[in-house]
Amino acid sequence: MLTFAKRRCGGANAGRKAAMLTDPLSGAGKRVYFGQRWLCVVQQHDRSPLLISAWHTEEEAKRHMKTVVQSMEYDVRAWHQMDARRHLYQSLSLEPPHGRPNVHYVVEGEVREQ
């Protein structure tokens, strides 16, 4: 019997009723289980999907957003450093990463029960 094909019925959220948080600006939603009410929304460029994470407090969401933005900016700096030594990094992409996301904000989500 293949164990990786089994459907898992346990876990932290098994049997819990989820609430749906909706972003009032974009209309995107996220399921939450533990009373989170703040959404951190990040979109790197126009064609990329929205990255949505839920948090309990506005401070946590802002801290997460700041970390994500810094990480994306770091990726660009690291790419430029590796590009300067392209003879060592032959498989490096020809295009740099997008860097700072076009869209990033923290908003209090609207709760809808499911």
PDB file of N, CA and C in Angstrom:
ATOM      1  N   MET A   1       0.832  -1.178   0.000  1.00  0.00           N
ATOM      2  CA  MET A   1       0.000   0.000   0.000  1.00  0.00           C
ATOM      3  C   MET A   1       0.879   1.245   0.000  1.00  0.00           C
ATOM      4  N   LEU A   2       0.541   2.206  -0.837  1.00  0.00           N
ATOM      5  CA  LEU A   2       1.323   3.432  -0.932  1.00  0.00           C
ATOM      6  C   LEU A   2       0.874   4.420   0.139  1.00  0.00           C
ATOM      7  N   THR A   3       1.788   4.758   1.023  1.00  0.00           N
ATOM      8  CA  THR A   3       1.408   5.645   2.120  1.00  0.00           C
ATOM      9  C   THR A   3       1.300   7.096   1.670  1.00  0.00           C
ATOM     10  N   PHE A   4       2.033   7.496   0.648  1.00  0.00           N
ATOM     11  CA  PHE A   4       1.983   8.899   0.234  1.00  0.00           C
ATOM     12  C   PHE A   4       0.686   9.256  -0.469  1.00  0.00           C
ATOM     13  N   ALA A   5      -0.100   8.281  -0.866  1.00  0.00           N
ATOM     14  CA  ALA A   5      -1.358   8.551  -1.559  1.00  0.00           C
ATOM     15  C   ALA A   5      -2.535   8.616  -0.592  1.00  0.00           C
ATOM     16  N   LYS A   6      -2.316   8.305   0.672  1.00  0.00           N
ATOM     17  CA  LYS A   6      -3.401   8.351   1.648  1.00  0.00           C
ATOM     18  C   LYS A   6      -3.822   9.783   1.911  1.00  0.00           C
ATOM     19  N   ARG A   7      -5.110   9.939   2.149  1.00  0.00           N
ATOM     20  CA  ARG A   7      -5.599  11.251   2.528  1.00  0.00           C
ATOM     21  C   ARG A   7      -5.461  11.387   4.041  1.00  0.00           C
ATOM     22  N   ARG A   8      -4.876  12.479   4.477  1.00  0.00           N
ATOM     23  CA  ARG A   8      -4.660  12.687   5.904  1.00  0.00           C
ATOM     24  C   ARG A   8      -5.873  13.365   6.508  1.00  0.00           C
ATOM     25  N   CYS A   9      -6.358  12.827   7.590  1.00  0.00           N
ATOM     26  CA  CYS A   9      -7.542  13.384   8.241  1.00  0.00           C
ATOM     27  C   CYS A   9      -7.202  14.065   9.556  1.00  0.00           C
ATOM     28  N   GLY A  10      -5.974  13.993   9.968  1.00  0.00           N
ATOM     29  CA  GLY A  10      -5.591  14.610  11.234  1.00  0.00           C
ATOM     30  C   GLY A  10      -4.884  15.927  10.983  1.00  0.00           C
ATOM     31  N   GLY A  11      -4.432  16.512  12.029  1.00  0.00           N
ATOM     32  CA  GLY A  11      -3.684  17.750  11.912  1.00  0.00           C
ATOM     33  C   GLY A  11      -4.217  18.806  12.859  1.00  0.00           C
ATOM     34  N   ALA A  12      -3.564  19.940  12.880  1.00  0.00           N
ATOM     35  CA  ALA A  12      -3.917  21.007  13.811  1.00  0.00           C
ATOM     36  C   ALA A  12      -5.302  21.567  13.563  1.00  0.00           C
ATOM     37  N   ASN A  13      -5.756  21.543  12.322  1.00  0.00           N
ATOM     38  CA  ASN A  13      -7.038  22.154  11.990  1.00  0.00           C
ATOM     39  C   ASN A  13      -8.149  21.143  11.735  1.00  0.00           C
ATOM     40  N   ALA A  14      -7.926  19.870  12.062  1.00  0.00           N
ATOM     41  CA  ALA A  14      -8.924  18.840  11.809  1.00  0.00           C
ATOM     42  C   ALA A  14     -10.171  19.110  12.645  1.00  0.00           C
ATOM     43  N   GLY A  15     -11.307  19.187  12.005  1.00  0.00           N
ATOM     44  CA  GLY A  15     -12.569  19.393  12.689  1.00  0.00           C
ATOM     45  C   GLY A  15     -12.864  20.823  13.084  1.00  0.00           C
ATOM     46  N   ARG A  16     -11.965  21.741  12.825  1.00  0.00           N
ATOM     47  CA  ARG A  16     -12.198  23.139  13.182  1.00  0.00           C
ATOM     48  C   ARG A  16     -13.029  23.824  12.111  1.00  0.00           C
ATOM     49  N   LYS A  17     -13.805  24.774  12.534  1.00  0.00           N
ATOM     50  CA  LYS A  17     -14.580  25.570  11.590  1.00  0.00           C
ATOM     51  C   LYS A  17     -13.745  26.788  11.226  1.00  0.00           C
ATOM     52  N   ALA A  18     -13.573  26.998   9.956  1.00  0.00           N
ATOM     53  CA  ALA A  18     -12.743  28.101   9.478  1.00  0.00           C
ATOM     54  C   ALA A  18     -13.601  29.336   9.239  1.00  0.00           C
ATOM     55  N   ALA A  19     -12.979  30.479   9.437  1.00  0.00           N
ATOM     56  CA  ALA A  19     -13.586  31.745   9.027  1.00  0.00           C
ATOM     57  C   ALA A  19     -12.854  32.177   7.764  1.00  0.00           C
ATOM     58  N   MET A  20     -13.508  32.943   6.942  1.00  0.00           N
ATOM     59  CA  MET A  20     -12.889  33.439   5.715  1.00  0.00           C
ATOM     60  C   MET A  20     -12.635  34.921   5.893  1.00  0.00           C
ATOM     61  N   LEU A  21     -11.361  35.320   5.777  1.00  0.00           N
ATOM     62  CA  LEU A  21     -11.009  36.738   5.821  1.00  0.00           C
ATOM     63  C   LEU A  21     -10.926  37.235   4.388  1.00  0.00           C
ATOM     64  N   THR A  22     -11.575  38.336   4.107  1.00  0.00           N
ATOM     65  CA  THR A  22     -11.557  38.904   2.770  1.00  0.00           C
ATOM     66  C   THR A  22     -10.859  40.248   2.807  1.00  0.00           C
ATOM     67  N   ASP A  23      -9.960  40.454   1.878  1.00  0.00           N
ATOM     68  CA  ASP A  23      -9.263  41.725   1.740  1.00  0.00           C
ATOM     69  C   ASP A  23     -10.220  42.720   1.072  1.00  0.00           C
ATOM     70  N   PRO A  24     -10.559  43.816   1.747  1.00  0.00           N
ATOM     71  CA  PRO A  24     -11.507  44.760   1.157  1.00  0.00           C
ATOM     72  C   PRO A  24     -10.959  45.484  -0.073  1.00  0.00           C
ATOM     73  N   LEU A  25      -9.658  45.531  -0.251  1.00  0.00           N
ATOM     74  CA  LEU A  25      -9.075  46.246  -1.388  1.00  0.00           C
ATOM     75  C   LEU A  25      -9.021  45.394  -2.648  1.00  0.00           C
ATOM     76  N   SER A  26      -8.549  44.150  -2.525  1.00  0.00           N
ATOM     77  CA  SER A  26      -8.398  43.304  -3.711  1.00  0.00           C
ATOM     78  C   SER A  26      -9.525  42.295  -3.874  1.00  0.00           C
ATOM     79  N   GLY A  27     -10.250  42.016  -2.795  1.00  0.00           N
ATOM     80  CA  GLY A  27     -11.310  41.018  -2.847  1.00  0.00           C
ATOM     81  C   GLY A  27     -10.818  39.594  -2.646  1.00  0.00           C
ATOM     82  N   ALA A  28      -9.516  39.405  -2.497  1.00  0.00           N
ATOM     83  CA  ALA A  28      -8.951  38.070  -2.283  1.00  0.00           C
ATOM     84  C   ALA A  28      -9.262  37.618  -0.861  1.00  0.00           C
ATOM     85  N   GLY A  29      -9.313  36.300  -0.679  1.00  0.00           N
ATOM     86  CA  GLY A  29      -9.642  35.774   0.635  1.00  0.00           C
ATOM     87  C   GLY A  29      -8.635  34.763   1.130  1.00  0.00           C
ATOM     88  N   LYS A  30      -8.700  34.492   2.433  1.00  0.00           N
ATOM     89  CA  LYS A  30      -7.835  33.505   3.074  1.00  0.00           C
ATOM     90  C   LYS A  30      -8.609  32.872   4.223  1.00  0.00           C
ATOM     91  N   ARG A  31      -8.505  31.551   4.343  1.00  0.00           N
ATOM     92  CA  ARG A  31      -9.117  30.836   5.458  1.00  0.00           C
ATOM     93  C   ARG A  31      -8.263  31.005   6.701  1.00  0.00           C
ATOM     94  N   VAL A  32      -8.906  31.281   7.823  1.00  0.00           N
ATOM     95  CA  VAL A  32      -8.185  31.395   9.093  1.00  0.00           C
ATOM     96  C   VAL A  32      -8.912  30.561  10.131  1.00  0.00           C
ATOM     97  N   TYR A  33      -8.155  30.037  11.099  1.00  0.00           N
ATOM     98  CA  TYR A  33      -8.702  29.153  12.109  1.00  0.00           C
ATOM     99  C   TYR A  33      -8.526  29.680  13.528  1.00  0.00           C
ATOM    100  N   PHE A  34      -7.561  30.488  13.775  1.00  0.00           N
ATOM    101  CA  PHE A  34      -7.176  30.825  15.139  1.00  0.00           C
ATOM    102  C   PHE A  34      -7.426  32.288  15.489  1.00  0.00           C
ATOM    103  N   GLY A  35      -8.419  32.899  14.908  1.00  0.00           N
ATOM    104  CA  GLY A  35      -8.782  34.264  15.277  1.00  0.00           C
ATOM    105  C   GLY A  35      -7.914  35.345  14.664  1.00  0.00           C
ATOM    106  N   GLN A  36      -7.199  35.039  13.621  1.00  0.00           N
ATOM    107  CA  GLN A  36      -6.402  36.072  12.972  1.00  0.00           C
ATOM    108  C   GLN A  36      -7.344  37.049  12.266  1.00  0.00           C
ATOM    109  N   ARG A  37      -6.982  38.341  12.272  1.00  0.00           N
ATOM    110  CA  ARG A  37      -7.839  39.346  11.650  1.00  0.00           C
ATOM    111  C   ARG A  37      -7.091  40.291  10.720  1.00  0.00           C
ATOM    112  N   TRP A  38      -5.781  40.235  10.698  1.00  0.00           N
ATOM    113  CA  TRP A  38      -4.991  41.148   9.860  1.00  0.00           C
ATOM    114  C   TRP A  38      -4.379  40.378   8.701  1.00  0.00           C
ATOM    115  N   LEU A  39      -4.452  40.955   7.524  1.00  0.00           N
ATOM    116  CA  LEU A  39      -3.894  40.340   6.326  1.00  0.00           C
ATOM    117  C   LEU A  39      -2.689  41.133   5.846  1.00  0.00           C
ATOM    118  N   CYS A  40      -1.651  40.422   5.479  1.00  0.00           N
ATOM    119  CA  CYS A  40      -0.485  41.003   4.819  1.00  0.00           C
ATOM    120  C   CYS A  40      -0.561  40.564   3.359  1.00  0.00           C
ATOM    121  N   VAL A  41      -0.655  41.515   2.456  1.00  0.00           N
ATOM    122  CA  VAL A  41      -0.819  41.216   1.034  1.00  0.00           C
ATOM    123  C   VAL A  41       0.408  41.725   0.287  1.00  0.00           C
ATOM    124  N   VAL A  42       1.034  40.838  -0.488  1.00  0.00           N
ATOM    125  CA  VAL A  42       2.218  41.188  -1.263  1.00  0.00           C
ATOM    126  C   VAL A  42       2.042  40.645  -2.675  1.00  0.00           C
ATOM    127  N   GLN A  43       2.302  41.483  -3.665  1.00  0.00           N
ATOM    128  CA  GLN A  43       2.318  41.041  -5.064  1.00  0.00           C
ATOM    129  C   GLN A  43       3.580  41.607  -5.684  1.00  0.00           C
ATOM    130  N   GLN A  44       4.428  40.712  -6.194  1.00  0.00           N
ATOM    131  CA  GLN A  44       5.729  41.158  -6.653  1.00  0.00           C
ATOM    132  C   GLN A  44       5.656  41.941  -7.957  1.00  0.00           C
ATOM    133  N   HIS A  45       4.867  41.489  -8.904  1.00  0.00           N
ATOM    134  CA  HIS A  45       4.697  42.211 -10.165  1.00  0.00           C
ATOM    135  C   HIS A  45       3.310  41.902 -10.704  1.00  0.00           C
ATOM    136  N   ASP A  46       2.942  42.508 -11.809  1.00  0.00           N
ATOM    137  CA  ASP A  46       1.570  42.440 -12.314  1.00  0.00           C
ATOM    138  C   ASP A  46       1.087  41.020 -12.589  1.00  0.00           C
ATOM    139  N   ARG A  47       1.941  40.157 -13.100  1.00  0.00           N
ATOM    140  CA  ARG A  47       1.522  38.799 -13.464  1.00  0.00           C
ATOM    141  C   ARG A  47       1.612  37.803 -12.321  1.00  0.00           C
ATOM    142  N   SER A  48       2.191  38.200 -11.214  1.00  0.00           N
ATOM    143  CA  SER A  48       2.370  37.243 -10.115  1.00  0.00           C
ATOM    144  C   SER A  48       1.111  37.171  -9.248  1.00  0.00           C
ATOM    145  N   PRO A  49       0.920  36.033  -8.581  1.00  0.00           N
ATOM    146  CA  PRO A  49      -0.248  35.912  -7.702  1.00  0.00           C
ATOM    147  C   PRO A  49      -0.059  36.724  -6.424  1.00  0.00           C
ATOM    148  N   LEU A  50      -1.163  37.020  -5.764  1.00  0.00           N
ATOM    149  CA  LEU A  50      -1.102  37.693  -4.471  1.00  0.00           C
ATOM    150  C   LEU A  50      -0.611  36.704  -3.419  1.00  0.00           C
ATOM    151  N   LEU A  51       0.330  37.110  -2.601  1.00  0.00           N
ATOM    152  CA  LEU A  51       0.788  36.310  -1.464  1.00  0.00           C
ATOM    153  C   LEU A  51       0.099  36.873  -0.231  1.00  0.00           C
ATOM    154  N   ILE A  52      -0.820  36.115   0.351  1.00  0.00           N
ATOM    155  CA  ILE A  52      -1.614  36.595   1.473  1.00  0.00           C
ATOM    156  C   ILE A  52      -1.288  35.760   2.701  1.00  0.00           C
ATOM    157  N   SER A  53      -1.005  36.431   3.807  1.00  0.00           N
ATOM    158  CA  SER A  53      -0.798  35.737   5.072  1.00  0.00           C
ATOM    159  C   SER A  53      -1.646  36.425   6.139  1.00  0.00           C
ATOM    160  N   ALA A  54      -2.109  35.650   7.113  1.00  0.00           N
ATOM    161  CA  ALA A  54      -2.994  36.161   8.159  1.00  0.00           C
ATOM    162  C   ALA A  54      -2.239  36.244   9.482  1.00  0.00           C
ATOM    163  N   TRP A  55      -2.538  37.292  10.259  1.00  0.00           N
ATOM    164  CA  TRP A  55      -1.836  37.545  11.514  1.00  0.00           C
ATOM    165  C   TRP A  55      -2.822  38.015  12.571  1.00  0.00           C
ATOM    166  N   HIS A  56      -2.445  37.871  13.841  1.00  0.00           N
ATOM    167  CA  HIS A  56      -3.310  38.287  14.944  1.00  0.00           C
ATOM    168  C   HIS A  56      -3.297  39.795  15.158  1.00  0.00           C
ATOM    169  N   THR A  57      -2.132  40.420  15.019  1.00  0.00           N
ATOM    170  CA  THR A  57      -2.032  41.862  15.279  1.00  0.00           C
ATOM    171  C   THR A  57      -1.474  42.576  14.051  1.00  0.00           C
ATOM    172  N   GLU A  58      -1.742  43.859  14.012  1.00  0.00           N
ATOM    173  CA  GLU A  58      -1.241  44.683  12.914  1.00  0.00           C
ATOM    174  C   GLU A  58       0.289  44.745  12.937  1.00  0.00           C
ATOM    175  N   GLU A  59       0.876  44.769  14.129  1.00  0.00           N
ATOM    176  CA  GLU A  59       2.340  44.836  14.245  1.00  0.00           C
ATOM    177  C   GLU A  59       3.004  43.597  13.649  1.00  0.00           C
ATOM    178  N   GLU A  60       2.430  42.406  13.946  1.00  0.00           N
ATOM    179  CA  GLU A  60       2.977  41.164  13.376  1.00  0.00           C
ATOM    180  C   GLU A  60       2.906  41.185  11.856  1.00  0.00           C
ATOM    181  N   ALA A  61       1.780  41.649  11.323  1.00  0.00           N
ATOM    182  CA  ALA A  61       1.604  41.687   9.874  1.00  0.00           C
ATOM    183  C   ALA A  61       2.586  42.661   9.230  1.00  0.00           C
ATOM    184  N   LYS A  62       2.781  43.823   9.851  1.00  0.00           N
ATOM    185  CA  LYS A  62       3.736  44.805   9.306  1.00  0.00           C
ATOM    186  C   LYS A  62       5.162  44.281   9.378  1.00  0.00           C
ATOM    187  N   ARG A  63       5.493  43.579  10.463  1.00  0.00           N
ATOM    188  CA  ARG A  63       6.841  43.015  10.597  1.00  0.00           C
ATOM    189  C   ARG A  63       7.078  41.965   9.511  1.00  0.00           C
ATOM    190  N   HIS A  64       6.069  41.137   9.255  1.00  0.00           N
ATOM    191  CA  HIS A  64       6.192  40.124   8.204  1.00  0.00           C
ATOM    192  C   HIS A  64       6.343  40.784   6.833  1.00  0.00           C
ATOM    193  N   MET A  65       5.544  41.816   6.568  1.00  0.00           N
ATOM    194  CA  MET A  65       5.618  42.513   5.284  1.00  0.00           C
ATOM    195  C   MET A  65       7.009  43.124   5.089  1.00  0.00           C
ATOM    196  N   LYS A  66       7.542  43.732   6.129  1.00  0.00           N
ATOM    197  CA  LYS A  66       8.873  44.335   6.046  1.00  0.00           C
ATOM    198  C   LYS A  66       9.925  43.265   5.740  1.00  0.00           C
ATOM    199  N   THR A  67       9.814  42.106   6.373  1.00  0.00           N
ATOM    200  CA  THR A  67      10.750  41.009   6.133  1.00  0.00           C
ATOM    201  C   THR A  67      10.674  40.516   4.694  1.00  0.00           C
ATOM    202  N   VAL A  68       9.461  40.372   4.167  1.00  0.00           N
ATOM    203  CA  VAL A  68       9.287  39.902   2.787  1.00  0.00           C
ATOM    204  C   VAL A  68       9.870  40.909   1.795  1.00  0.00           C
ATOM    205  N   VAL A  69       9.595  42.190   2.004  1.00  0.00           N
ATOM    206  CA  VAL A  69      10.112  43.227   1.100  1.00  0.00           C
ATOM    207  C   VAL A  69      11.630  43.254   1.147  1.00  0.00           C
ATOM    208  N   GLN A  70      12.222  43.177   2.344  1.00  0.00           N
ATOM    209  CA  GLN A  70      13.680  43.163   2.462  1.00  0.00           C
ATOM    210  C   GLN A  70      14.282  41.944   1.773  1.00  0.00           C
ATOM    211  N   SER A  71      13.617  40.798   1.887  1.00  0.00           N
ATOM    212  CA  SER A  71      14.105  39.588   1.248  1.00  0.00           C
ATOM    213  C   SER A  71      14.116  39.739  -0.272  1.00  0.00           C
ATOM    214  N   MET A  72      13.062  40.332  -0.822  1.00  0.00           N
ATOM    215  CA  MET A  72      12.997  40.529  -2.270  1.00  0.00           C
ATOM    216  C   MET A  72      14.062  41.517  -2.745  1.00  0.00           C
ATOM    217  N   GLU A  73      14.321  42.551  -1.944  1.00  0.00           N
ATOM    218  CA  GLU A  73      15.384  43.502  -2.289  1.00  0.00           C
ATOM    219  C   GLU A  73      16.761  42.843  -2.190  1.00  0.00           C
ATOM    220  N   TYR A  74      16.944  41.976  -1.193  1.00  0.00           N
ATOM    221  CA  TYR A  74      18.204  41.259  -1.029  1.00  0.00           C
ATOM    222  C   TYR A  74      18.460  40.350  -2.225  1.00  0.00           C
ATOM    223  N   ASP A  75      17.413  39.703  -2.740  1.00  0.00           N
ATOM    224  CA  ASP A  75      17.566  38.823  -3.901  1.00  0.00           C
ATOM    225  C   ASP A  75      18.160  39.567  -5.089  1.00  0.00           C
ATOM    226  N   VAL A  76      17.750  40.815  -5.290  1.00  0.00           N
ATOM    227  CA  VAL A  76      18.274  41.611  -6.404  1.00  0.00           C
ATOM    228  C   VAL A  76      19.752  41.925  -6.185  1.00  0.00           C
ATOM    229  N   ARG A  77      20.099  42.339  -4.954  1.00  0.00           N
ATOM    230  CA  ARG A  77      21.512  42.637  -4.667  1.00  0.00           C
ATOM    231  C   ARG A  77      22.383  41.398  -4.841  1.00  0.00           C
ATOM    232  N   ALA A  78      21.901  40.253  -4.361  1.00  0.00           N
ATOM    233  CA  ALA A  78      22.665  39.012  -4.498  1.00  0.00           C
ATOM    234  C   ALA A  78      22.818  38.629  -5.961  1.00  0.00           C
ATOM    235  N   TRP A  79      21.772  38.837  -6.762  1.00  0.00           N
ATOM    236  CA  TRP A  79      21.845  38.523  -8.190  1.00  0.00           C
ATOM    237  C   TRP A  79      22.913  39.381  -8.860  1.00  0.00           C
ATOM    238  N   HIS A  80      22.953  40.668  -8.538  1.00  0.00           N
ATOM    239  CA  HIS A  80      23.946  41.555  -9.152  1.00  0.00           C
ATOM    240  C   HIS A  80      25.373  41.147  -8.764  1.00  0.00           C
ATOM    241  N   GLN A  81      25.562  40.719  -7.529  1.00  0.00           N
ATOM    242  CA  GLN A  81      26.884  40.256  -7.113  1.00  0.00           C
ATOM    243  C   GLN A  81      27.286  38.997  -7.865  1.00  0.00           C
ATOM    244  N   MET A  82      26.345  38.074  -8.036  1.00  0.00           N
ATOM    245  CA  MET A  82      26.658  36.845  -8.773  1.00  0.00           C
ATOM    246  C   MET A  82      26.836  37.135 -10.263  1.00  0.00           C
ATOM    247  N   ASP A  83      26.084  38.099 -10.783  1.00  0.00           N
ATOM    248  CA  ASP A  83      26.206  38.450 -12.193  1.00  0.00           C
ATOM    249  C   ASP A  83      27.583  39.027 -12.499  1.00  0.00           C
ATOM    250  N   ALA A  84      28.156  39.735 -11.527  1.00  0.00           N
ATOM    251  CA  ALA A  84      29.501  40.275 -11.716  1.00  0.00           C
ATOM    252  C   ALA A  84      30.532  39.151 -11.856  1.00  0.00           C
ATOM    253  N   ARG A  85      30.224  37.976 -11.306  1.00  0.00           N
ATOM    254  CA  ARG A  85      31.107  36.810 -11.412  1.00  0.00           C
ATOM    255  C   ARG A  85      30.410  35.700 -12.184  1.00  0.00           C
ATOM    256  N   ARG A  86      29.831  36.047 -13.310  1.00  0.00           N
ATOM    257  CA  ARG A  86      29.032  35.097 -14.093  1.00  0.00           C
ATOM    258  C   ARG A  86      29.842  33.867 -14.504  1.00  0.00           C
ATOM    259  N   HIS A  87      31.154  33.993 -14.665  1.00  0.00           N
ATOM    260  CA  HIS A  87      31.953  32.827 -15.045  1.00  0.00           C
ATOM    261  C   HIS A  87      31.893  31.739 -13.966  1.00  0.00           C
ATOM    262  N   LEU A  88      31.591  32.111 -12.719  1.00  0.00           N
ATOM    263  CA  LEU A  88      31.434  31.125 -11.653  1.00  0.00           C
ATOM    264  C   LEU A  88      30.000  30.612 -11.560  1.00  0.00           C
ATOM    265  N   TYR A  89      29.052  31.462 -11.906  1.00  0.00           N
ATOM    266  CA  TYR A  89      27.628  31.121 -11.800  1.00  0.00           C
ATOM    267  C   TYR A  89      27.029  31.037 -13.192  1.00  0.00           C
ATOM    268  N   GLN A  90      27.356  30.001 -13.922  1.00  0.00           N
ATOM    269  CA  GLN A  90      26.923  29.887 -15.313  1.00  0.00           C
ATOM    270  C   GLN A  90      25.434  29.631 -15.451  1.00  0.00           C
ATOM    271  N   SER A  91      24.807  29.062 -14.435  1.00  0.00           N
ATOM    272  CA  SER A  91      23.377  28.771 -14.539  1.00  0.00           C
ATOM    273  C   SER A  91      22.516  29.920 -14.006  1.00  0.00           C
ATOM    274  N   LEU A  92      23.120  31.050 -13.728  1.00  0.00           N
ATOM    275  CA  LEU A  92      22.385  32.201 -13.217  1.00  0.00           C
ATOM    276  C   LEU A  92      21.446  32.735 -14.297  1.00  0.00           C
ATOM    277  N   SER A  93      20.242  33.081 -13.894  1.00  0.00           N
ATOM    278  CA  SER A  93      19.258  33.621 -14.823  1.00  0.00           C
ATOM    279  C   SER A  93      19.787  34.900 -15.471  1.00  0.00           C
ATOM    280  N   LEU A  94      19.417  35.125 -16.723  1.00  0.00           N
ATOM    281  CA  LEU A  94      19.857  36.337 -17.412  1.00  0.00           C
ATOM    282  C   LEU A  94      19.102  37.570 -16.936  1.00  0.00           C
ATOM    283  N   GLU A  95      17.892  37.375 -16.420  1.00  0.00           N
ATOM    284  CA  GLU A  95      17.109  38.498 -15.916  1.00  0.00           C
ATOM    285  C   GLU A  95      17.220  38.568 -14.401  1.00  0.00           C
ATOM    286  N   PRO A  96      17.413  39.767 -13.859  1.00  0.00           N
ATOM    287  CA  PRO A  96      17.448  39.883 -12.401  1.00  0.00           C
ATOM    288  C   PRO A  96      16.059  39.661 -11.803  1.00  0.00           C
ATOM    289  N   PRO A  97      15.981  39.308 -10.520  1.00  0.00           N
ATOM    290  CA  PRO A  97      14.676  39.200  -9.864  1.00  0.00           C
ATOM    291  C   PRO A  97      13.965  40.550  -9.886  1.00  0.00           C
ATOM    292  N   HIS A  98      12.677  40.539  -9.639  1.00  0.00           N
ATOM    293  CA  HIS A  98      11.896  41.775  -9.713  1.00  0.00           C
ATOM    294  C   HIS A  98      12.221  42.752  -8.605  1.00  0.00           C
ATOM    295  N   GLY A  99      12.697  42.265  -7.484  1.00  0.00           N
ATOM    296  CA  GLY A  99      13.044  43.161  -6.391  1.00  0.00           C
ATOM    297  C   GLY A  99      11.831  43.599  -5.598  1.00  0.00           C
ATOM    298  N   ARG A 100      11.824  44.864  -5.203  1.00  0.00           N
ATOM    299  CA  ARG A 100      10.759  45.399  -4.363  1.00  0.00           C
ATOM    300  C   ARG A 100       9.397  45.147  -5.015  1.00  0.00           C
ATOM    301  N   PRO A 101       8.444  44.604  -4.259  1.00  0.00           N
ATOM    302  CA  PRO A 101       7.144  44.284  -4.849  1.00  0.00           C
ATOM    303  C   PRO A 101       6.368  45.532  -5.249  1.00  0.00           C
ATOM    304  N   ASN A 102       5.564  45.405  -6.293  1.00  0.00           N
ATOM    305  CA  ASN A 102       4.727  46.520  -6.740  1.00  0.00           C
ATOM    306  C   ASN A 102       3.642  46.830  -5.721  1.00  0.00           C
ATOM    307  N   VAL A 103       3.098  45.799  -5.096  1.00  0.00           N
ATOM    308  CA  VAL A 103       1.990  45.959  -4.156  1.00  0.00           C
ATOM    309  C   VAL A 103       2.376  45.314  -2.835  1.00  0.00           C
ATOM    310  N   HIS A 104       2.285  46.052  -1.752  1.00  0.00           N
ATOM    311  CA  HIS A 104       2.458  45.463  -0.426  1.00  0.00           C
ATOM    312  C   HIS A 104       1.763  46.361   0.591  1.00  0.00           C
ATOM    313  N   TYR A 105       0.874  45.743   1.351  1.00  0.00           N
ATOM    314  CA  TYR A 105       0.136  46.493   2.362  1.00  0.00           C
ATOM    315  C   TYR A 105      -0.411  45.546   3.424  1.00  0.00           C
ATOM    316  N   VAL A 106      -0.796  46.138   4.541  1.00  0.00           N
ATOM    317  CA  VAL A 106      -1.428  45.418   5.645  1.00  0.00           C
ATOM    318  C   VAL A 106      -2.818  46.006   5.819  1.00  0.00           C
ATOM    319  N   VAL A 107      -3.814  45.133   5.953  1.00  0.00           N
ATOM    320  CA  VAL A 107      -5.191  45.594   6.069  1.00  0.00           C
ATOM    321  C   VAL A 107      -5.949  44.666   7.014  1.00  0.00           C
ATOM    322  N   GLU A 108      -6.941  45.205   7.699  1.00  0.00           N
ATOM    323  CA  GLU A 108      -7.796  44.370   8.534  1.00  0.00           C
ATOM    324  C   GLU A 108      -8.823  43.688   7.645  1.00  0.00           C
ATOM    325  N   GLY A 109      -8.887  42.381   7.705  1.00  0.00           N
ATOM    326  CA  GLY A 109      -9.771  41.633   6.836  1.00  0.00           C
ATOM    327  C   GLY A 109     -11.216  41.659   7.302  1.00  0.00           C
ATOM    328  N   GLU A 110     -12.125  41.498   6.376  1.00  0.00           N
ATOM    329  CA  GLU A 110     -13.543  41.390   6.691  1.00  0.00           C
ATOM    330  C   GLU A 110     -13.858  39.913   6.894  1.00  0.00           C
ATOM    331  N   VAL A 111     -14.514  39.588   7.999  1.00  0.00           N
ATOM    332  CA  VAL A 111     -14.756  38.195   8.365  1.00  0.00           C
ATOM    333  C   VAL A 111     -16.071  37.704   7.751  1.00  0.00           C
ATOM    334  N   ARG A 112     -15.998  36.544   7.120  1.00  0.00           N
ATOM    335  CA  ARG A 112     -17.199  35.831   6.637  1.00  0.00           C
ATOM    336  C   ARG A 112     -17.128  34.425   7.186  1.00  0.00           C
ATOM    337  N   GLU A 113     -18.161  33.970   7.814  1.00  0.00           N
ATOM    338  CA  GLU A 113     -18.202  32.588   8.313  1.00  0.00           C
ATOM    339  C   GLU A 113     -18.415  31.646   7.160  1.00  0.00           C
ATOM    340  N   GLN A 114     -17.912  30.434   7.299  1.00  0.00           N
ATOM    341  CA  GLN A 114     -18.105  29.446   6.240  1.00  0.00           C
ATOM    342  C   GLN A 114     -18.979  28.331   6.681  1.00  0.00           C
TER     343      GLN A 114
END
